[in-house]
Amino acid sequence: MRQRRALMTRWTQRANRVGYLLFAAAIILFIVAFTGDFNDTMVTLIVICMTIGSILLAPAIVLGYGLKAAEKDDLAQGR
């Protein structure tokens, strides 16, 4: 069970990293588009980054909290 939980923890950490990087990319793209020309391509890229980032982050954050709680409970139970 601990190996499986460790694997899930690694995947949630990766999803968090990629999700937050996509949010950062969306912010950078927005700033670039705002200072330059707000064209359809920039808007599409911003929306894609935000959408994929949200799809990755939502379950990763919830699973991360669940995994931390399970680990904390195991330590409290002496397992």
PDB file of N, CA and C in Angstrom:
ATOM      1  N   MET A   1       0.823  -1.193   0.000  1.00  0.00           N
ATOM      2  CA  MET A   1       0.000   0.000   0.000  1.00  0.00           C
ATOM      3  C   MET A   1       0.870   1.262   0.000  1.00  0.00           C
ATOM      4  N   ARG A   2       1.956   1.224   0.740  1.00  0.00           N
ATOM      5  CA  ARG A   2       2.839   2.403   0.794  1.00  0.00           C
ATOM      6  C   ARG A   2       3.480   2.688  -0.560  1.00  0.00           C
ATOM      7  N   GLN A   3       3.822   1.632  -1.299  1.00  0.00           N
ATOM      8  CA  GLN A   3       4.410   1.841  -2.629  1.00  0.00           C
ATOM      9  C   GLN A   3       3.399   2.486  -3.569  1.00  0.00           C
ATOM     10  N   ARG A   4       2.172   2.013  -3.485  1.00  0.00           N
ATOM     11  CA  ARG A   4       1.126   2.583  -4.336  1.00  0.00           C
ATOM     12  C   ARG A   4       0.866   4.039  -3.976  1.00  0.00           C
ATOM     13  N   ARG A   5       0.844   4.334  -2.684  1.00  0.00           N
ATOM     14  CA  ARG A   5       0.635   5.710  -2.233  1.00  0.00           C
ATOM     15  C   ARG A   5       1.802   6.600  -2.665  1.00  0.00           C
ATOM     16  N   ALA A   6       3.025   6.067  -2.596  1.00  0.00           N
ATOM     17  CA  ALA A   6       4.193   6.842  -3.031  1.00  0.00           C
ATOM     18  C   ALA A   6       4.121   7.139  -4.525  1.00  0.00           C
ATOM     19  N   LEU A   7       3.672   6.168  -5.296  1.00  0.00           N
ATOM     20  CA  LEU A   7       3.518   6.376  -6.740  1.00  0.00           C
ATOM     21  C   LEU A   7       2.462   7.446  -7.018  1.00  0.00           C
ATOM     22  N   MET A   8       1.350   7.380  -6.315  1.00  0.00           N
ATOM     23  CA  MET A   8       0.300   8.385  -6.495  1.00  0.00           C
ATOM     24  C   MET A   8       0.791   9.764  -6.068  1.00  0.00           C
ATOM     25  N   THR A   9       1.596   9.812  -5.010  1.00  0.00           N
ATOM     26  CA  THR A   9       2.152  11.091  -4.558  1.00  0.00           C
ATOM     27  C   THR A   9       3.053  11.694  -5.627  1.00  0.00           C
ATOM     28  N   ARG A  10       3.886  10.875  -6.238  1.00  0.00           N
ATOM     29  CA  ARG A  10       4.761  11.377  -7.318  1.00  0.00           C
ATOM     30  C   ARG A  10       3.940  11.923  -8.478  1.00  0.00           C
ATOM     31  N   TRP A  11       2.871  11.210  -8.858  1.00  0.00           N
ATOM     32  CA  TRP A  11       2.051  11.661  -9.981  1.00  0.00           C
ATOM     33  C   TRP A  11       1.294  12.937  -9.649  1.00  0.00           C
ATOM     34  N   THR A  12       0.817  13.059  -8.412  1.00  0.00           N
ATOM     35  CA  THR A  12       0.118  14.297  -8.054  1.00  0.00           C
ATOM     36  C   THR A  12       1.091  15.473  -8.008  1.00  0.00           C
ATOM     37  N   GLN A  13       2.319  15.231  -7.553  1.00  0.00           N
ATOM     38  CA  GLN A  13       3.321  16.302  -7.549  1.00  0.00           C
ATOM     39  C   GLN A  13       3.648  16.743  -8.965  1.00  0.00           C
ATOM     40  N   ARG A  14       3.770  15.788  -9.868  1.00  0.00           N
ATOM     41  CA  ARG A  14       4.038  16.135 -11.271  1.00  0.00           C
ATOM     42  C   ARG A  14       2.876  16.915 -11.877  1.00  0.00           C
ATOM     43  N   ALA A  15       1.661  16.463 -11.607  1.00  0.00           N
ATOM     44  CA  ALA A  15       0.482  17.161 -12.135  1.00  0.00           C
ATOM     45  C   ALA A  15       0.396  18.575 -11.568  1.00  0.00           C
ATOM     46  N   ASN A  16       0.720  18.739 -10.284  1.00  0.00           N
ATOM     47  CA  ASN A  16       0.753  20.074  -9.681  1.00  0.00           C
ATOM     48  C   ASN A  16       1.771  20.954 -10.386  1.00  0.00           C
ATOM     49  N   ARG A  17       2.969  20.424 -10.578  1.00  0.00           N
ATOM     50  CA  ARG A  17       4.034  21.193 -11.216  1.00  0.00           C
ATOM     51  C   ARG A  17       3.624  21.638 -12.618  1.00  0.00           C
ATOM     52  N   VAL A  18       3.135  20.694 -13.413  1.00  0.00           N
ATOM     53  CA  VAL A  18       2.751  21.017 -14.790  1.00  0.00           C
ATOM     54  C   VAL A  18       1.559  21.976 -14.806  1.00  0.00           C
ATOM     55  N   GLY A  19       0.585  21.753 -13.928  1.00  0.00           N
ATOM     56  CA  GLY A  19      -0.582  22.628 -13.870  1.00  0.00           C
ATOM     57  C   GLY A  19      -0.212  24.057 -13.529  1.00  0.00           C
ATOM     58  N   TYR A  20       0.641  24.218 -12.510  1.00  0.00           N
ATOM     59  CA  TYR A  20       1.053  25.573 -12.133  1.00  0.00           C
ATOM     60  C   TYR A  20       1.936  26.208 -13.210  1.00  0.00           C
ATOM     61  N   LEU A  21       2.753  25.404 -13.892  1.00  0.00           N
ATOM     62  CA  LEU A  21       3.547  25.942 -15.004  1.00  0.00           C
ATOM     63  C   LEU A  21       2.645  26.422 -16.136  1.00  0.00           C
ATOM     64  N   LEU A  22       1.577  25.684 -16.397  1.00  0.00           N
ATOM     65  CA  LEU A  22       0.641  26.117 -17.438  1.00  0.00           C
ATOM     66  C   LEU A  22      -0.078  27.405 -17.036  1.00  0.00           C
ATOM     67  N   PHE A  23      -0.413  27.540 -15.752  1.00  0.00           N
ATOM     68  CA  PHE A  23      -1.012  28.796 -15.283  1.00  0.00           C
ATOM     69  C   PHE A  23      -0.019  29.947 -15.436  1.00  0.00           C
ATOM     70  N   ALA A  24       1.238  29.703 -15.105  1.00  0.00           N
ATOM     71  CA  ALA A  24       2.265  30.734 -15.263  1.00  0.00           C
ATOM     72  C   ALA A  24       2.433  31.097 -16.736  1.00  0.00           C
ATOM     73  N   ALA A  25       2.401  30.094 -17.598  1.00  0.00           N
ATOM     74  CA  ALA A  25       2.510  30.355 -19.038  1.00  0.00           C
ATOM     75  C   ALA A  25       1.323  31.186 -19.516  1.00  0.00           C
ATOM     76  N   ALA A  26       0.142  30.898 -19.007  1.00  0.00           N
ATOM     77  CA  ALA A  26      -1.041  31.676 -19.394  1.00  0.00           C
ATOM     78  C   ALA A  26      -0.899  33.128 -18.955  1.00  0.00           C
ATOM     79  N   ILE A  27      -0.365  33.342 -17.758  1.00  0.00           N
ATOM     80  CA  ILE A  27      -0.166  34.714 -17.273  1.00  0.00           C
ATOM     81  C   ILE A  27       0.854  35.446 -18.139  1.00  0.00           C
ATOM     82  N   ILE A  28       1.942  34.773 -18.447  1.00  0.00           N
ATOM     83  CA  ILE A  28       2.977  35.385 -19.297  1.00  0.00           C
ATOM     84  C   ILE A  28       2.420  35.686 -20.678  1.00  0.00           C
ATOM     85  N   LEU A  29       1.675  34.741 -21.244  1.00  0.00           N
ATOM     86  CA  LEU A  29       1.064  34.981 -22.556  1.00  0.00           C
ATOM     87  C   LEU A  29       0.087  36.149 -22.511  1.00  0.00           C
ATOM     88  N   PHE A  30      -0.659  36.265 -21.416  1.00  0.00           N
ATOM     89  CA  PHE A  30      -1.595  37.379 -21.283  1.00  0.00           C
ATOM     90  C   PHE A  30      -0.846  38.706 -21.252  1.00  0.00           C
ATOM     91  N   ILE A  31       0.232  38.764 -20.486  1.00  0.00           N
ATOM     92  CA  ILE A  31       1.017  40.007 -20.404  1.00  0.00           C
ATOM     93  C   ILE A  31       1.592  40.365 -21.769  1.00  0.00           C
ATOM     94  N   VAL A  32       2.115  39.349 -22.466  1.00  0.00           N
ATOM     95  CA  VAL A  32       2.666  39.590 -23.804  1.00  0.00           C
ATOM     96  C   VAL A  32       1.564  40.077 -24.745  1.00  0.00           C
ATOM     97  N   ALA A  33       0.407  39.439 -24.685  1.00  0.00           N
ATOM     98  CA  ALA A  33      -0.698  39.843 -25.563  1.00  0.00           C
ATOM     99  C   ALA A  33      -1.210  41.225 -25.197  1.00  0.00           C
ATOM    100  N   PHE A  34      -1.244  41.530 -23.906  1.00  0.00           N
ATOM    101  CA  PHE A  34      -1.750  42.817 -23.452  1.00  0.00           C
ATOM    102  C   PHE A  34      -0.835  43.953 -23.897  1.00  0.00           C
ATOM    103  N   THR A  35       0.474  43.724 -23.823  1.00  0.00           N
ATOM    104  CA  THR A  35       1.420  44.770 -24.226  1.00  0.00           C
ATOM    105  C   THR A  35       1.555  44.862 -25.743  1.00  0.00           C
ATOM    106  N   GLY A  36       1.235  43.784 -26.410  1.00  0.00           N
ATOM    107  CA  GLY A  36       1.349  43.776 -27.869  1.00  0.00           C
ATOM    108  C   GLY A  36      -0.011  43.802 -28.517  1.00  0.00           C
ATOM    109  N   ASP A  37      -0.222  42.839 -29.370  1.00  0.00           N
ATOM    110  CA  ASP A  37      -1.475  42.752 -30.113  1.00  0.00           C
ATOM    111  C   ASP A  37      -2.277  41.553 -29.605  1.00  0.00           C
ATOM    112  N   PHE A  38      -3.483  41.806 -29.123  1.00  0.00           N
ATOM    113  CA  PHE A  38      -4.361  40.754 -28.615  1.00  0.00           C
ATOM    114  C   PHE A  38      -5.028  40.079 -29.809  1.00  0.00           C
ATOM    115  N   ASN A  39      -4.381  39.073 -30.390  1.00  0.00           N
ATOM    116  CA  ASN A  39      -4.965  38.394 -31.540  1.00  0.00           C
ATOM    117  C   ASN A  39      -5.584  37.057 -31.120  1.00  0.00           C
ATOM    118  N   ASP A  40      -6.250  36.419 -32.063  1.00  0.00           N
ATOM    119  CA  ASP A  40      -6.962  35.175 -31.769  1.00  0.00           C
ATOM    120  C   ASP A  40      -6.020  34.051 -31.332  1.00  0.00           C
ATOM    121  N   THR A  41      -4.842  34.016 -31.879  1.00  0.00           N
ATOM    122  CA  THR A  41      -3.890  32.974 -31.521  1.00  0.00           C
ATOM    123  C   THR A  41      -3.478  33.069 -30.060  1.00  0.00           C
ATOM    124  N   MET A  42      -3.206  34.275 -29.597  1.00  0.00           N
ATOM    125  CA  MET A  42      -2.808  34.451 -28.197  1.00  0.00           C
ATOM    126  C   MET A  42      -3.953  34.079 -27.261  1.00  0.00           C
ATOM    127  N   VAL A  43      -5.159  34.481 -27.611  1.00  0.00           N
ATOM    128  CA  VAL A  43      -6.316  34.152 -26.777  1.00  0.00           C
ATOM    129  C   VAL A  43      -6.507  32.638 -26.720  1.00  0.00           C
ATOM    130  N   THR A  44      -6.358  31.971 -27.850  1.00  0.00           N
ATOM    131  CA  THR A  44      -6.493  30.516 -27.899  1.00  0.00           C
ATOM    132  C   THR A  44      -5.437  29.848 -27.031  1.00  0.00           C
ATOM    133  N   LEU A  45      -4.192  30.300 -27.112  1.00  0.00           N
ATOM    134  CA  LEU A  45      -3.128  29.726 -26.296  1.00  0.00           C
ATOM    135  C   LEU A  45      -3.374  29.936 -24.805  1.00  0.00           C
ATOM    136  N   ILE A  46      -3.847  31.113 -24.452  1.00  0.00           N
ATOM    137  CA  ILE A  46      -4.142  31.410 -23.045  1.00  0.00           C
ATOM    138  C   ILE A  46      -5.257  30.492 -22.529  1.00  0.00           C
ATOM    139  N   VAL A  47      -6.305  30.346 -23.320  1.00  0.00           N
ATOM    140  CA  VAL A  47      -7.428  29.490 -22.918  1.00  0.00           C
ATOM    141  C   VAL A  47      -7.000  28.034 -22.816  1.00  0.00           C
ATOM    142  N   ILE A  48      -6.180  27.569 -23.740  1.00  0.00           N
ATOM    143  CA  ILE A  48      -5.690  26.186 -23.695  1.00  0.00           C
ATOM    144  C   ILE A  48      -4.845  25.958 -22.438  1.00  0.00           C
ATOM    145  N   CYS A  49      -3.942  26.878 -22.147  1.00  0.00           N
ATOM    146  CA  CYS A  49      -3.111  26.751 -20.939  1.00  0.00           C
ATOM    147  C   CYS A  49      -3.965  26.729 -19.675  1.00  0.00           C
ATOM    148  N   MET A  50      -4.942  27.613 -19.594  1.00  0.00           N
ATOM    149  CA  MET A  50      -5.811  27.659 -18.415  1.00  0.00           C
ATOM    150  C   MET A  50      -6.669  26.391 -18.289  1.00  0.00           C
ATOM    151  N   THR A  51      -7.166  25.902 -19.403  1.00  0.00           N
ATOM    152  CA  THR A  51      -8.024  24.720 -19.381  1.00  0.00           C
ATOM    153  C   THR A  51      -7.252  23.473 -18.965  1.00  0.00           C
ATOM    154  N   ILE A  52      -6.121  23.232 -19.611  1.00  0.00           N
ATOM    155  CA  ILE A  52      -5.326  22.046 -19.272  1.00  0.00           C
ATOM    156  C   ILE A  52      -4.779  22.161 -17.851  1.00  0.00           C
ATOM    157  N   GLY A  53      -4.358  23.360 -17.459  1.00  0.00           N
ATOM    158  CA  GLY A  53      -3.884  23.566 -16.094  1.00  0.00           C
ATOM    159  C   GLY A  53      -4.965  23.265 -15.064  1.00  0.00           C
ATOM    160  N   SER A  54      -6.180  23.685 -15.334  1.00  0.00           N
ATOM    161  CA  SER A  54      -7.293  23.414 -14.421  1.00  0.00           C
ATOM    162  C   SER A  54      -7.631  21.932 -14.364  1.00  0.00           C
ATOM    163  N   ILE A  55      -7.611  21.279 -15.516  1.00  0.00           N
ATOM    164  CA  ILE A  55      -7.899  19.845 -15.567  1.00  0.00           C
ATOM    165  C   ILE A  55      -6.862  19.057 -14.777  1.00  0.00           C
ATOM    166  N   LEU A  56      -5.616  19.478 -14.830  1.00  0.00           N
ATOM    167  CA  LEU A  56      -4.561  18.796 -14.083  1.00  0.00           C
ATOM    168  C   LEU A  56      -4.597  19.138 -12.598  1.00  0.00           C
ATOM    169  N   LEU A  57      -4.806  20.401 -12.283  1.00  0.00           N
ATOM    170  CA  LEU A  57      -4.685  20.837 -10.888  1.00  0.00           C
ATOM    171  C   LEU A  57      -5.833  20.394  -9.995  1.00  0.00           C
ATOM    172  N   ALA A  58      -7.047  20.431 -10.484  1.00  0.00           N
ATOM    173  CA  ALA A  58      -8.194  20.125  -9.621  1.00  0.00           C
ATOM    174  C   ALA A  58      -8.084  18.748  -8.964  1.00  0.00           C
ATOM    175  N   PRO A  59      -7.927  17.668  -9.727  1.00  0.00           N
ATOM    176  CA  PRO A  59      -7.808  16.368  -9.055  1.00  0.00           C
ATOM    177  C   PRO A  59      -6.486  16.199  -8.314  1.00  0.00           C
ATOM    178  N   ALA A  60      -5.422  16.807  -8.814  1.00  0.00           N
ATOM    179  CA  ALA A  60      -4.118  16.653  -8.169  1.00  0.00           C
ATOM    180  C   ALA A  60      -4.114  17.280  -6.778  1.00  0.00           C
ATOM    181  N   ILE A  61      -4.743  18.414  -6.625  1.00  0.00           N
ATOM    182  CA  ILE A  61      -4.797  19.066  -5.318  1.00  0.00           C
ATOM    183  C   ILE A  61      -5.623  18.236  -4.340  1.00  0.00           C
ATOM    184  N   VAL A  62      -6.784  17.759  -4.797  1.00  0.00           N
ATOM    185  CA  VAL A  62      -7.649  16.955  -3.934  1.00  0.00           C
ATOM    186  C   VAL A  62      -6.957  15.654  -3.543  1.00  0.00           C
ATOM    187  N   LEU A  63      -6.354  14.969  -4.516  1.00  0.00           N
ATOM    188  CA  LEU A  63      -5.643  13.727  -4.214  1.00  0.00           C
ATOM    189  C   LEU A  63      -4.451  13.976  -3.293  1.00  0.00           C
ATOM    190  N   GLY A  64      -3.774  15.083  -3.500  1.00  0.00           N
ATOM    191  CA  GLY A  64      -2.626  15.414  -2.640  1.00  0.00           C
ATOM    192  C   GLY A  64      -3.036  15.557  -1.189  1.00  0.00           C
ATOM    193  N   TYR A  65      -4.143  16.252  -0.943  1.00  0.00           N
ATOM    194  CA  TYR A  65      -4.629  16.384   0.434  1.00  0.00           C
ATOM    195  C   TYR A  65      -5.059  15.032   1.000  1.00  0.00           C
ATOM    196  N   GLY A  66      -5.693  14.212   0.176  1.00  0.00           N
ATOM    197  CA  GLY A  66      -6.111  12.888   0.623  1.00  0.00           C
ATOM    198  C   GLY A  66      -4.930  12.002   0.966  1.00  0.00           C
ATOM    199  N   LEU A  67      -3.894  12.049   0.151  1.00  0.00           N
ATOM    200  CA  LEU A  67      -2.699  11.249   0.409  1.00  0.00           C
ATOM    201  C   LEU A  67      -1.983  11.710   1.677  1.00  0.00           C
ATOM    202  N   LYS A  68      -1.923  13.015   1.886  1.00  0.00           N
ATOM    203  CA  LYS A  68      -1.300  13.528   3.109  1.00  0.00           C
ATOM    204  C   LYS A  68      -2.097  13.112   4.340  1.00  0.00           C
ATOM    205  N   ALA A  69      -3.418  13.146   4.234  1.00  0.00           N
ATOM    206  CA  ALA A  69      -4.262  12.740   5.360  1.00  0.00           C
ATOM    207  C   ALA A  69      -4.114  11.251   5.646  1.00  0.00           C
ATOM    208  N   ALA A  70      -4.022  10.439   4.594  1.00  0.00           N
ATOM    209  CA  ALA A  70      -3.852   8.994   4.786  1.00  0.00           C
ATOM    210  C   ALA A  70      -2.509   8.692   5.452  1.00  0.00           C
ATOM    211  N   GLU A  71      -1.470   9.385   5.021  1.00  0.00           N
ATOM    212  CA  GLU A  71      -0.149   9.179   5.611  1.00  0.00           C
ATOM    213  C   GLU A  71      -0.141   9.608   7.081  1.00  0.00           C
ATOM    214  N   LYS A  72      -0.790  10.723   7.352  1.00  0.00           N
ATOM    215  CA  LYS A  72      -0.881  11.216   8.723  1.00  0.00           C
ATOM    216  C   LYS A  72      -1.657  10.235   9.605  1.00  0.00           C
ATOM    217  N   ASP A  73      -2.724   9.672   9.053  1.00  0.00           N
ATOM    218  CA  ASP A  73      -3.527   8.703   9.796  1.00  0.00           C
ATOM    219  C   ASP A  73      -2.736   7.424  10.054  1.00  0.00           C
ATOM    220  N   ASP A  74      -1.960   6.987   9.076  1.00  0.00           N
ATOM    221  CA  ASP A  74      -1.124   5.797   9.264  1.00  0.00           C
ATOM    222  C   ASP A  74      -0.116   6.014  10.384  1.00  0.00           C
ATOM    223  N   LEU A  75       0.488   7.187  10.418  1.00  0.00           N
ATOM    224  CA  LEU A  75       1.457   7.474  11.474  1.00  0.00           C
ATOM    225  C   LEU A  75       0.776   7.520  12.841  1.00  0.00           C
ATOM    226  N   ALA A  76      -0.422   8.068  12.890  1.00  0.00           N
ATOM    227  CA  ALA A  76      -1.150   8.146  14.167  1.00  0.00           C
ATOM    228  C   ALA A  76      -1.586   6.759  14.634  1.00  0.00           C
ATOM    229  N   GLN A  77      -1.890   5.852  13.694  1.00  0.00           N
ATOM    230  CA  GLN A  77      -2.314   4.487  14.026  1.00  0.00           C
ATOM    231  C   GLN A  77      -1.128   3.579  14.309  1.00  0.00           C
ATOM    232  N   GLY A  78       0.076   4.048  14.018  1.00  0.00           N
ATOM    233  CA  GLY A  78       1.282   3.242  14.246  1.00  0.00           C
ATOM    234  C   GLY A  78       1.528   2.205  13.179  1.00  0.00           C
ATOM    235  N   ARG A  79       1.039   2.451  11.967  1.00  0.00           N
ATOM    236  CA  ARG A  79       1.250   1.493  10.854  1.00  0.00           C
ATOM    237  C   ARG A  79       2.466   1.832  10.060  1.00  0.00           C
TER     238      ARG A  79
END
